[in-house]
Amino acid sequence: MIKAFYYMFKEFDFKKDLLPLWTIIFIAEFVINFAGLFSPLAMYGRVTLIFQILLLIGFITTFIPCGYGMDCLKNYLTSNNEHKLPEIDIKKNFIKGFKFMFSFGLLYLAMFIIFAVLSGINSLLTKIHLSPLTFAVVTIACLMLIIASFLFIASTCTFAKKEDIFSFLRLPSLYNIINANVAKYFIGFVIFIVLMAFFYFIRIALIITLIQKGFILMTLYAFIMSIISTYFALIFLYLFKESVNPDLI
């Protein structure tokens, strides 16, 4: 999987492939971070209507690169050892990005319900003086979170290939995908988690340094983060493809 870190420089043309991908990521980064100039921290604690509107527009804008990423992953999964980036179709990418967010939202809702039930059980155990059992409940909650995170790669690949909004909830099929390639899948998952942690460390460091310090520095932040995000996105596409057997999806 080392190839994931450099294949894009050999296989993709900058103007034809990488520039369009970077452009849609930059626009999404710029719009959502432009809202930061009007955030409560920048406006002395006041929550303004323009901040809420810009934040909503920024969130909606992310549907486009998200949907395009799903199209890219589908190409990766269905083209053996070739890595092809599809043409950008704003409408199609937006709809697919919305479907992906909705699909992921169903998982989030299911996890919220489970955690709400476990929280209720925890409170009940405390009231009836069985607080030592709350440790078991907390442990179950942590295991559920770990399992949901572990299934993310298989779920995302399933959605990308089938565009099924219930992809994150089809546990038997996800188990079969992972079990057939468990060693490689585990390696891909560990690399993904490490890279995500590193990615958000960079993002937070740049936010502290640049965001909310004026339009020019905010634009610089969006420019830098869009380059980093493009590189990491291409790494993740390769990792996801290598972590599963596409024929089982």
Protein backbone atom coordinates (compact mmCIF):
# COMPACT_ATOMS: atom_id res chain seq x y z
CA MET A 1 0.00 0.00 0.00
CA ILE A 2 3.05 2.27 -0.08
CA LYS A 3 2.12 3.05 -3.68
CA ALA A 4 -0.87 5.01 -2.34
CA PHE A 5 1.46 7.87 -1.40
CA TYR A 6 3.00 8.48 -4.83
CA TYR A 7 0.94 6.81 -7.61
CA MET A 8 -0.97 10.04 -8.37
CA PHE A 9 2.22 11.80 -9.46
CA LYS A 10 2.96 9.11 -12.05
CA GLU A 11 -0.49 8.24 -13.33
CA PHE A 12 -2.36 11.57 -13.42
CA ASP A 13 -1.90 14.64 -15.56
CA PHE A 14 -1.91 17.82 -13.47
CA LYS A 15 -4.02 19.99 -15.81
CA LYS A 16 -6.44 17.29 -16.93
CA ASP A 17 -6.89 15.28 -13.71
CA LEU A 18 -5.54 16.94 -10.58
CA LEU A 19 -6.45 20.58 -11.27
CA PRO A 20 -10.23 19.95 -11.65
CA LEU A 21 -10.24 17.85 -8.46
CA TRP A 22 -8.33 20.53 -6.55
CA THR A 23 -10.65 23.25 -7.87
CA ILE A 24 -13.86 21.76 -6.48
CA ILE A 25 -12.16 21.02 -3.16
CA PHE A 26 -10.78 24.58 -3.00
CA ILE A 27 -14.22 26.10 -3.67
CA ALA A 28 -15.79 23.98 -0.92
CA GLU A 29 -12.97 24.87 1.50
CA PHE A 30 -13.19 28.56 0.66
CA VAL A 31 -16.96 28.84 1.06
CA ILE A 32 -17.21 26.94 4.33
CA ASN A 33 -14.22 28.75 5.84
CA PHE A 34 -15.45 32.15 4.68
CA ALA A 35 -18.15 31.65 7.30
CA GLY A 36 -15.34 31.63 9.89
CA LEU A 37 -14.90 35.36 9.40
CA PHE A 38 -18.39 35.81 10.87
CA SER A 39 -18.20 33.12 13.57
CA PRO A 40 -19.05 33.93 17.21
CA LEU A 41 -15.33 33.93 18.05
CA ALA A 42 -14.66 36.58 15.43
CA MET A 43 -17.82 38.58 16.24
CA TYR A 44 -17.25 38.86 19.98
CA GLY A 45 -19.69 36.10 20.90
CA ARG A 46 -22.55 37.21 18.62
CA VAL A 47 -24.18 34.57 16.42
CA THR A 48 -25.18 36.35 13.22
CA LEU A 49 -27.62 35.26 10.51
CA ILE A 50 -24.96 35.63 7.83
CA PHE A 51 -22.72 33.17 9.72
CA GLN A 52 -25.49 30.57 9.80
CA ILE A 53 -26.33 31.09 6.13
CA LEU A 54 -22.70 30.88 4.99
CA LEU A 55 -22.12 27.81 7.15
CA LEU A 56 -25.15 26.09 5.58
CA ILE A 57 -24.04 27.05 2.05
CA GLY A 58 -20.54 25.82 2.82
CA PHE A 59 -21.85 22.48 4.09
CA ILE A 60 -24.04 22.03 1.01
CA THR A 61 -21.09 22.89 -1.22
CA THR A 62 -19.15 19.95 0.20
CA PHE A 63 -21.69 17.59 -1.40
CA ILE A 64 -20.02 18.17 -4.78
CA PRO A 65 -16.46 16.99 -3.94
CA CYS A 66 -17.98 14.24 -1.78
CA GLY A 67 -20.08 12.93 -4.67
CA TYR A 68 -17.17 13.28 -7.06
CA GLY A 69 -15.04 11.27 -4.63
CA MET A 70 -17.65 8.49 -4.71
CA ASP A 71 -17.51 8.49 -8.53
CA CYS A 72 -13.71 8.28 -8.35
CA LEU A 73 -13.86 5.38 -5.90
CA LYS A 74 -16.34 3.55 -8.11
CA ASN A 75 -13.90 3.91 -11.02
CA TYR A 76 -11.08 2.58 -8.86
CA LEU A 77 -13.16 -0.41 -7.73
CA THR A 78 -14.32 -1.37 -11.22
CA SER A 79 -11.16 -0.91 -13.27
CA ASN A 80 -8.66 -3.48 -11.98
CA ASN A 81 -5.25 -1.80 -11.60
CA GLU A 82 -6.14 1.36 -13.51
CA HIS A 83 -6.87 4.58 -11.66
CA LYS A 84 -9.13 6.94 -13.57
CA LEU A 85 -10.72 10.17 -12.44
CA PRO A 86 -14.11 10.83 -14.06
CA GLU A 87 -15.20 14.14 -15.50
CA ILE A 88 -16.82 16.53 -13.07
CA ASP A 89 -20.60 16.72 -13.37
CA ILE A 90 -21.83 19.30 -10.83
CA LYS A 91 -25.45 18.11 -10.72
CA LYS A 92 -24.61 14.41 -10.65
CA ASN A 93 -21.84 14.87 -8.07
CA PHE A 94 -24.09 17.02 -5.87
CA ILE A 95 -26.88 14.43 -5.85
CA LYS A 96 -24.49 11.56 -5.14
CA GLY A 97 -22.81 13.59 -2.38
CA PHE A 98 -26.21 14.30 -0.84
CA LYS A 99 -27.09 10.59 -0.97
CA PHE A 100 -23.79 9.70 0.69
CA MET A 101 -24.35 12.23 3.48
CA PHE A 102 -27.88 10.90 3.94
CA SER A 103 -26.59 7.32 4.02
CA PHE A 104 -23.97 8.24 6.60
CA GLY A 105 -26.64 10.16 8.50
CA LEU A 106 -28.67 6.95 8.85
CA LEU A 107 -25.68 5.33 10.56
CA TYR A 108 -25.30 8.41 12.77
CA LEU A 109 -29.00 8.20 13.69
CA ALA A 110 -28.73 4.49 14.49
CA MET A 111 -25.67 5.12 16.67
CA PHE A 112 -27.44 8.02 18.39
CA ILE A 113 -30.40 5.79 19.26
CA ILE A 114 -28.12 3.04 20.55
CA PHE A 115 -26.12 5.47 22.70
CA ALA A 116 -29.34 7.06 23.99
CA VAL A 117 -30.59 3.62 25.07
CA LEU A 118 -27.26 2.76 26.68
CA SER A 119 -27.26 6.14 28.45
CA GLY A 120 -30.74 5.39 29.79
CA ILE A 121 -29.59 1.99 31.02
CA ASN A 122 -26.58 3.64 32.64
CA SER A 123 -28.77 6.12 34.50
CA LEU A 124 -31.11 3.35 35.65
CA LEU A 125 -28.23 1.24 36.96
CA THR A 126 -26.95 4.23 38.93
CA LYS A 127 -30.39 4.91 40.46
CA ILE A 128 -30.84 1.30 41.62
CA HIS A 129 -27.33 1.29 43.11
CA LEU A 130 -25.75 -0.99 40.53
CA SER A 131 -23.22 1.57 39.38
CA PRO A 132 -20.39 -1.01 39.00
CA LEU A 133 -22.32 -2.37 36.01
CA THR A 134 -22.12 1.00 34.31
CA PHE A 135 -18.54 0.13 33.35
CA ALA A 136 -19.89 -2.71 31.22
CA VAL A 137 -22.37 -0.35 29.54
CA VAL A 138 -19.61 2.18 28.78
CA THR A 139 -17.44 -0.64 27.41
CA ILE A 140 -20.26 -1.75 25.10
CA ALA A 141 -20.70 1.83 23.88
CA CYS A 142 -16.97 2.11 23.12
CA LEU A 143 -17.00 -1.22 21.27
CA MET A 144 -19.98 -0.07 19.18
CA LEU A 145 -18.08 3.08 18.22
CA ILE A 146 -14.95 1.11 17.30
CA ILE A 147 -16.96 -1.37 15.22
CA ALA A 148 -18.77 1.43 13.37
CA SER A 149 -15.42 3.09 12.62
CA PHE A 150 -13.92 -0.22 11.47
CA LEU A 151 -16.81 -0.77 9.04
CA PHE A 152 -16.38 2.67 7.45
CA ILE A 153 -14.09 1.62 4.59
CA ALA A 154 -16.28 -1.32 3.56
CA SER A 155 -19.43 0.79 3.90
CA THR A 156 -18.01 3.61 1.78
CA CYS A 157 -16.83 1.22 -0.93
CA THR A 158 -20.27 -0.43 -0.97
CA PHE A 159 -22.00 2.92 -1.36
CA ALA A 160 -19.59 4.05 -4.08
CA LYS A 161 -20.20 0.94 -6.17
CA LYS A 162 -23.93 0.40 -5.53
CA GLU A 163 -25.13 3.85 -4.43
CA ASP A 164 -27.28 2.13 -1.81
CA ILE A 165 -28.35 4.54 0.95
CA PHE A 166 -28.43 1.64 3.43
CA SER A 167 -24.81 0.69 2.73
CA PHE A 168 -23.67 1.66 6.24
CA LEU A 169 -26.30 -0.56 7.86
CA ARG A 170 -25.99 -3.80 5.87
CA LEU A 171 -23.87 -5.56 8.48
CA PRO A 172 -23.91 -9.14 7.03
CA SER A 173 -22.60 -8.02 3.62
CA LEU A 174 -20.04 -5.71 5.25
CA TYR A 175 -18.84 -8.61 7.40
CA ASN A 176 -18.39 -10.79 4.29
CA ILE A 177 -16.39 -8.06 2.52
CA ILE A 178 -14.07 -7.59 5.50
CA ASN A 179 -13.75 -11.27 6.42
CA ALA A 180 -12.64 -12.23 2.90
CA ASN A 181 -9.66 -9.87 3.10
CA VAL A 182 -9.33 -9.20 6.82
CA ALA A 183 -5.53 -8.82 7.08
CA LYS A 184 -5.27 -6.34 4.23
CA TYR A 185 -8.42 -4.56 5.39
CA PHE A 186 -7.01 -4.13 8.91
CA ILE A 187 -3.76 -2.67 7.55
CA GLY A 188 -5.72 -0.26 5.36
CA PHE A 189 -7.91 0.73 8.32
CA VAL A 190 -4.91 1.44 10.58
CA ILE A 191 -3.20 3.53 7.90
CA PHE A 192 -6.48 5.40 7.33
CA ILE A 193 -6.89 6.21 11.04
CA VAL A 194 -3.29 7.38 11.39
CA LEU A 195 -3.55 9.57 8.30
CA MET A 196 -6.88 11.03 9.44
CA ALA A 197 -5.36 11.94 12.80
CA PHE A 198 -2.40 13.57 11.02
CA PHE A 199 -4.74 15.36 8.59
CA TYR A 200 -6.82 16.89 11.38
CA PHE A 201 -3.69 17.85 13.31
CA ILE A 202 -2.57 19.85 10.27
CA ARG A 203 -6.05 21.36 9.87
CA ILE A 204 -6.26 22.45 13.50
CA ALA A 205 -2.74 23.92 13.41
CA LEU A 206 -3.59 25.94 10.30
CA ILE A 207 -6.95 27.04 11.75
CA ILE A 208 -5.22 28.41 14.84
CA THR A 209 -2.62 30.13 12.71
CA LEU A 210 -4.69 31.54 9.84
CA ILE A 211 -8.47 31.39 10.29
CA GLN A 212 -10.31 34.42 11.76
CA LYS A 213 -7.32 36.68 11.02
CA GLY A 214 -8.69 38.34 7.92
CA PHE A 215 -9.81 37.53 4.39
CA ILE A 216 -6.32 37.11 2.91
CA LEU A 217 -5.12 34.63 5.53
CA MET A 218 -8.44 32.76 5.34
CA THR A 219 -7.97 32.45 1.56
CA LEU A 220 -4.41 31.23 2.12
CA TYR A 221 -5.76 28.63 4.57
CA ALA A 222 -8.34 27.42 2.01
CA PHE A 223 -5.62 27.24 -0.66
CA ILE A 224 -3.21 25.22 1.50
CA MET A 225 -5.88 22.91 2.91
CA SER A 226 -7.36 22.23 -0.52
CA ILE A 227 -3.95 21.04 -1.75
CA ILE A 228 -3.50 18.84 1.32
CA SER A 229 -7.09 17.56 1.08
CA THR A 230 -6.63 16.68 -2.61
CA TYR A 231 -3.49 14.68 -1.85
CA PHE A 232 -5.06 12.86 1.10
CA ALA A 233 -8.24 12.15 -0.89
CA LEU A 234 -6.20 10.41 -3.60
CA ILE A 235 -4.36 8.41 -0.93
CA PHE A 236 -7.64 7.32 0.65
CA LEU A 237 -9.11 6.30 -2.71
CA TYR A 238 -6.17 3.96 -3.28
CA LEU A 239 -6.25 2.62 0.29
CA PHE A 240 -9.97 1.91 0.16
CA LYS A 241 -9.66 0.11 -3.17
CA GLU A 242 -6.76 -2.02 -1.93
CA SER A 243 -8.50 -2.87 1.37
CA VAL A 244 -11.45 -4.72 -0.17
CA ASN A 245 -12.21 -7.24 -2.89
CA PRO A 246 -14.44 -5.29 -5.31
CA ASP A 247 -15.95 -8.53 -6.64
CA LEU A 248 -17.61 -9.13 -3.25
CA ILE A 249 -19.43 -5.80 -3.29
